[in-house]
Each structure stands twice: as C-alpha cells, then as structure tokens.
Protein backbone atom coordinates (compact mmCIF):
# COMPACT_ATOMS: atom_id res chain seq x y z
CA MET A 1 98.78 102.29 87.51
CA ASN A 2 97.57 105.43 89.28
CA ILE A 3 99.61 106.17 92.40
CA THR A 4 98.92 108.98 94.85
CA ILE A 5 101.79 110.00 97.13
CA TRP A 6 100.61 111.69 100.33
CA ASN A 7 103.19 113.63 102.31
CA GLU A 8 102.68 115.77 105.38
CA TYR A 9 105.17 118.25 103.86
CA ARG A 10 105.95 120.18 107.03
CA HIS A 11 109.57 119.30 107.85
CA GLU A 12 110.81 120.27 104.40
CA GLN A 13 109.32 123.76 104.76
CA GLU A 14 110.25 124.40 108.39
CA ASN A 15 113.63 122.69 108.86
CA GLU A 16 116.66 123.78 106.81
CA GLU A 17 118.45 120.48 107.40
CA VAL A 18 115.52 118.56 105.94
CA LYS A 19 115.12 121.05 103.08
CA LYS A 20 118.72 120.37 102.04
CA VAL A 21 118.00 116.66 101.80
CA TYR A 22 114.57 116.94 100.15
CA PRO A 23 114.38 120.43 98.61
CA GLU A 24 111.17 119.67 96.70
CA GLY A 25 109.62 117.54 99.42
CA ILE A 26 109.69 113.83 100.19
CA HIS A 27 106.65 113.33 97.94
CA GLN A 28 108.57 114.64 94.94
CA ALA A 29 111.58 112.48 95.79
CA LEU A 30 109.29 109.44 95.76
CA ALA A 31 107.55 110.56 92.59
CA SER A 32 110.88 110.98 90.78
CA PHE A 33 111.59 107.24 90.65
CA LEU A 34 108.00 106.07 90.16
CA GLU A 35 106.79 108.44 87.45
CA ASP A 36 108.57 106.63 84.61
CA GLU A 37 106.29 103.61 85.07
CA HIS A 38 103.13 105.05 86.63
CA HIS A 39 100.79 108.02 86.63
CA ILE A 40 101.61 109.96 89.79
CA GLU A 41 99.55 112.44 91.80
CA THR A 42 100.89 114.09 94.96
CA ALA A 43 98.88 115.34 97.91
CA THR A 44 99.89 117.22 101.06
CA LEU A 45 98.37 117.99 104.43
CA ASP A 46 97.71 121.70 103.91
CA GLN A 47 95.79 121.30 100.67
CA LYS A 48 92.00 121.34 100.62
CA ASN A 49 90.64 118.02 101.94
CA ASN A 50 94.24 117.26 102.97
CA GLY A 51 94.85 116.76 99.25
CA LEU A 52 92.64 113.67 99.13
CA SER A 53 89.41 114.56 97.38
CA ASP A 54 86.81 111.93 96.51
CA GLU A 55 87.92 112.20 92.87
CA ILE A 56 91.59 111.58 93.70
CA LEU A 57 90.84 108.62 95.96
CA SER A 58 88.44 107.03 93.47
CA GLN A 59 91.16 107.09 90.81
CA THR A 60 93.98 105.82 93.06
CA ASP A 61 95.19 102.23 92.70
CA VAL A 62 97.85 102.58 95.42
CA LEU A 63 98.27 105.30 98.05
CA ILE A 64 101.73 105.93 99.54
CA TRP A 65 101.66 107.65 102.96
CA TRP A 66 104.45 109.59 104.72
CA GLY A 67 103.70 111.53 107.92
CA HIS A 68 105.47 112.41 111.14
CA LYS A 69 104.79 115.55 113.19
CA ALA A 70 101.19 116.41 112.34
CA HIS A 71 99.28 113.12 112.37
CA GLU A 72 96.50 114.64 114.47
CA GLU A 73 95.89 117.39 111.90
CA VAL A 74 94.59 114.95 109.31
CA ASP A 75 90.83 115.36 109.22
CA ASP A 76 88.92 112.38 110.67
CA SER A 77 86.52 112.36 107.73
CA ILE A 78 89.47 111.97 105.34
CA VAL A 79 90.85 109.14 107.46
CA GLU A 80 87.54 107.30 107.20
CA LYS A 81 87.41 107.81 103.44
CA VAL A 82 90.94 106.47 102.99
CA LYS A 83 90.15 103.50 105.22
CA GLN A 84 87.02 102.68 103.22
CA HIS A 85 88.92 102.87 99.96
CA VAL A 86 91.49 100.42 101.35
CA LEU A 87 88.70 98.06 102.41
CA ASP A 88 87.26 98.39 98.92
CA GLY A 89 90.58 97.41 97.31
CA MET A 90 92.95 100.40 97.16
CA GLY A 91 96.52 99.43 98.00
CA LEU A 92 98.30 101.27 100.83
CA VAL A 93 102.07 101.62 101.34
CA VAL A 94 102.89 103.24 104.69
CA LEU A 95 106.40 104.64 105.12
CA HIS A 96 108.52 105.34 108.21
CA SER A 97 106.62 107.38 110.85
CA GLY A 98 103.38 106.75 109.01
CA HIS A 99 103.02 103.84 111.44
CA PHE A 100 101.57 106.42 113.85
CA SER A 101 99.14 107.95 111.37
CA LYS A 102 95.43 107.86 112.07
CA VAL A 103 94.92 105.84 108.91
CA PHE A 104 97.35 103.07 109.82
CA LYS A 105 96.28 102.89 113.47
CA SER A 106 92.64 102.68 112.46
CA LEU A 107 93.33 99.83 110.06
CA MET A 108 95.50 97.99 112.61
CA GLY A 109 93.28 98.51 115.67
CA THR A 110 96.31 98.85 117.99
CA THR A 111 98.51 101.69 119.31
CA CYS A 112 101.25 100.96 116.71
CA ASP A 113 103.76 102.29 119.26
CA LEU A 114 107.45 101.38 119.42
CA LYS A 115 110.89 102.41 120.75
CA TRP A 116 112.91 105.02 118.84
CA ARG A 117 115.91 107.32 118.97
CA GLU A 118 117.93 109.53 116.62
CA SER A 119 121.56 108.51 117.08
CA ASP A 120 122.95 107.89 113.57
CA ASP A 121 122.87 104.12 114.00
CA LYS A 122 123.67 101.88 111.06
CA GLU A 123 120.69 99.84 109.95
CA ARG A 124 120.85 96.47 108.25
CA LEU A 125 117.55 95.38 106.71
CA TRP A 126 117.55 91.61 106.32
CA VAL A 127 115.29 89.92 103.79
CA VAL A 128 113.51 87.26 105.84
CA ASP A 129 111.08 86.18 103.11
CA PRO A 130 113.13 85.77 99.91
CA THR A 131 110.09 84.33 98.09
CA HIS A 132 108.06 87.52 98.48
CA PRO A 133 107.58 89.65 95.33
CA ILE A 134 108.48 92.82 97.27
CA THR A 135 112.05 91.45 97.58
CA GLU A 136 112.50 90.83 93.85
CA GLY A 137 115.90 91.99 92.62
CA LEU A 138 117.40 92.52 96.08
CA ASP A 139 120.41 91.00 97.82
CA SER A 140 120.01 89.28 101.18
CA TYR A 141 120.14 92.59 103.04
CA ILE A 142 120.12 96.37 102.57
CA GLU A 143 122.63 98.40 104.58
CA LEU A 144 121.91 102.02 105.52
CA GLU A 145 124.89 103.83 106.98
CA ASN A 146 122.75 106.13 109.14
CA GLU A 147 119.07 105.97 110.02
CA GLU A 148 116.71 106.68 112.89
CA THR A 149 116.46 103.65 115.18
CA TYR A 150 113.19 101.85 115.77
CA GLY A 151 112.98 98.97 118.23
CA GLU A 152 110.62 96.25 119.35
CA HIS A 153 108.12 95.84 120.69
CA PHE A 154 106.17 97.17 117.70
CA ASP A 155 102.53 97.16 118.82
CA ILE A 156 100.86 95.93 115.66
CA PRO A 157 98.71 92.86 115.03
CA THR A 158 100.60 89.77 113.93
CA PRO A 159 101.45 90.54 110.28
CA ASP A 160 100.22 88.36 107.46
CA GLU A 161 103.84 88.33 106.27
CA THR A 162 107.12 89.64 107.66
CA VAL A 163 109.33 90.56 104.73
CA PHE A 164 112.17 92.56 106.34
CA LEU A 165 113.76 92.49 109.79
CA SER A 166 116.11 95.32 110.79
CA TRP A 167 119.13 95.25 113.07
CA PHE A 168 120.69 98.46 114.39
CA THR A 169 124.18 99.03 115.81
CA GLY A 170 122.57 100.06 119.10
CA GLY A 171 121.35 96.48 119.49
CA GLU A 172 117.67 96.80 118.55
CA VAL A 173 115.78 94.71 116.04
CA PHE A 174 112.56 95.72 114.30
CA ARG A 175 109.97 94.25 111.94
CA SER A 176 110.64 96.81 109.21
CA GLY A 177 108.65 95.35 106.34
CA VAL A 178 105.29 93.76 107.06
CA THR A 179 102.09 93.10 105.12
CA PHE A 180 98.43 93.02 106.04
CA LYS A 181 95.15 92.40 104.25
CA ARG A 182 92.09 94.43 105.20
CA GLY A 183 88.89 93.79 103.27
CA ASN A 184 89.88 93.77 99.60
CA GLY A 185 92.94 95.95 100.22
CA LYS A 186 96.59 95.08 100.73
CA ILE A 187 98.87 97.09 103.05
CA PHE A 188 102.67 97.19 103.24
CA TYR A 189 104.49 99.01 106.03
CA PHE A 190 108.15 99.87 105.31
CA ARG A 191 110.22 101.45 108.07
CA PRO A 192 113.21 103.38 106.56
CA GLY A 193 112.90 107.03 105.57
CA HIS A 194 113.67 109.50 108.36
CA GLU A 195 113.49 113.01 106.98
CA THR A 196 117.08 114.05 107.77
CA TYR A 197 118.66 111.15 105.87
CA PRO A 198 118.80 110.67 102.06
CA THR A 199 117.29 107.19 102.35
CA TYR A 200 114.82 107.57 99.48
CA TYR A 201 117.63 108.26 97.01
CA LYS A 202 119.13 104.81 97.57
CA PRO A 203 118.45 102.42 94.66
CA GLN A 204 117.69 99.41 96.87
CA ILE A 205 115.11 101.36 98.89
CA GLN A 206 113.57 102.63 95.66
CA LYS A 207 113.45 99.05 94.41
CA VAL A 208 111.48 97.95 97.47
CA ILE A 209 108.94 100.74 97.01
CA LYS A 210 108.60 100.00 93.28
CA ASN A 211 107.98 96.34 94.08
CA ALA A 212 105.59 97.25 96.89
CA VAL A 213 103.22 99.35 94.78
CA LYS A 214 103.00 96.54 92.22
CA TRP A 215 102.26 94.03 94.97
CA ALA A 216 99.67 96.27 96.66
CA ARG A 217 97.61 96.89 93.55
CA ASN A 218 94.25 95.16 93.45
CA SER A 219 94.02 93.39 90.10
CA ASN A 220 90.25 93.30 89.65
CA THR A 221 89.66 90.66 92.29
CA PRO A 222 86.04 89.72 93.18
CA LYS A 223 84.00 92.27 95.11
CA HIS A 224 81.62 90.51 97.47
CA LYS A 225 78.21 91.84 98.42
CA TYR A 226 77.32 91.73 102.10
CA GLY A 227 74.03 91.68 103.98
CA HIS A 228 70.80 89.89 103.08
CA SER A 229 71.15 87.75 99.98
CA GLU A 230 68.63 85.84 97.89
CA PRO A 231 69.42 82.16 97.22
CA LEU A 232 71.20 81.28 93.99
CA GLU A 233 69.23 78.03 93.76
CA LYS A 234 65.54 77.64 94.43
CA ASN A 235 64.80 75.13 97.14
CA GLU A 236 62.24 72.55 96.05
CA GLU A 237 59.31 72.09 98.41
CA LYS A 238 59.32 68.70 100.07
C-alpha cells in the first residue's frame, strides 16, 4: 500500500539528544521498518504545503502522524484536507504527542488533553483486546524500560475499541491504543514514542505499527452518496 509518514521534524534538528536517537528523523526511523512491504513517502512541517500536497494525499492509503512542539504551525487548510481524506477513507495512525495535533483534535471533537511528565518511568503496555488484528504476533504485554508518562483522564470520545492499556511505575494508567471510525476512515492512536527514547527501534512497537497500517487501510468499501436521491424503485400510482 501507499503510506505517507508525516513528522514535524523539529526536535531532531534542534536538540542534540534527540538527534543522537533519531539522526535521520523519526519519519525515517518509521520508514526503515515499513519500506520492505509498502511504498513510503515522507513529509515534514517545513516543506511546501507542510509536505501534504493534494497529489500526495490522493495517493495515500494510510497516513502516519507524529507531532509535538509545533502543532499550531500546521496550516488550517492542510488540516481540513487531511480530515476530508480520512472521512473519504484514508487510514490515519496517530503516534505519541500527535494526540494534540489539529488533525486529531478536529476528528475527535474534544480537547484530547491528558496528564504527562518526563521522569524515565517504566511503561507496561497491556493487550486488553487479544482478538484485535493490531495485536497479532504480540505477547500479553510490551515493556518499555523508559518512556514519557501519560495519565488519565484522556479527554477523547469513548473509543470504538480499546486495544492497549498502559501502566507506569509512577502509578498512572492510560488508554494507549484506541481506535475510531470517522466517515469511511479508520483511525488508530498509539501512545509510545517520545523523541528522547529509542522506542521506535523496538521490534514489538514496530510490529504494532505494521499491524496498524494494515488494519487502517480502506479495502475498497462502499462509498455512499449523500443529499437528495432519486428513488431506486418507481412508486405505482394508486
């Protein structure tokens, strides 16, 4: 399938600690384990049209989104285009701080706020829906030695499905893997992936993302027409 990976790409250029972890950018780290199976395009904030031209979006089966410090710099017209493509059937996988992106908040209709801290907590991601295709090939949990902590309450609508629930050594829990349907599009939010930790190099995390893009793809499902519609059957006059 055609996957576009969108990354803000600011931390990696401005922060030496992050650059050491992701020297070519988080988008390239994600592309490295997806490109064997899919056609990959990458896009970043400072490119023309924020990297998301009409041509790119029209060819994208699934869009992966990573953002953090510059959510407000994404052009509103691009946000609306991405949203419409999701409603029309493009899959969307939102990673880590992308929960606060304009795109995700617009699709959710809530603040998408939460509790957080950077304190090197251990995270244990529990699979709470072992029947879900996004969990294929996983054990009952994924353990991350250090990650940024997120905590409830996570101000999102009630998910269609909760796939992962995280526990942190600081005591918090968090709905770290949730799905939504919007129009003809499917959305998966996946929490891990703070920029100062090598989370995206971990095979189990890569496995989740590989499974997620396959799940999110729209496989030529029916496209309904809205508005005024002529009858399919002619009504006989009585």
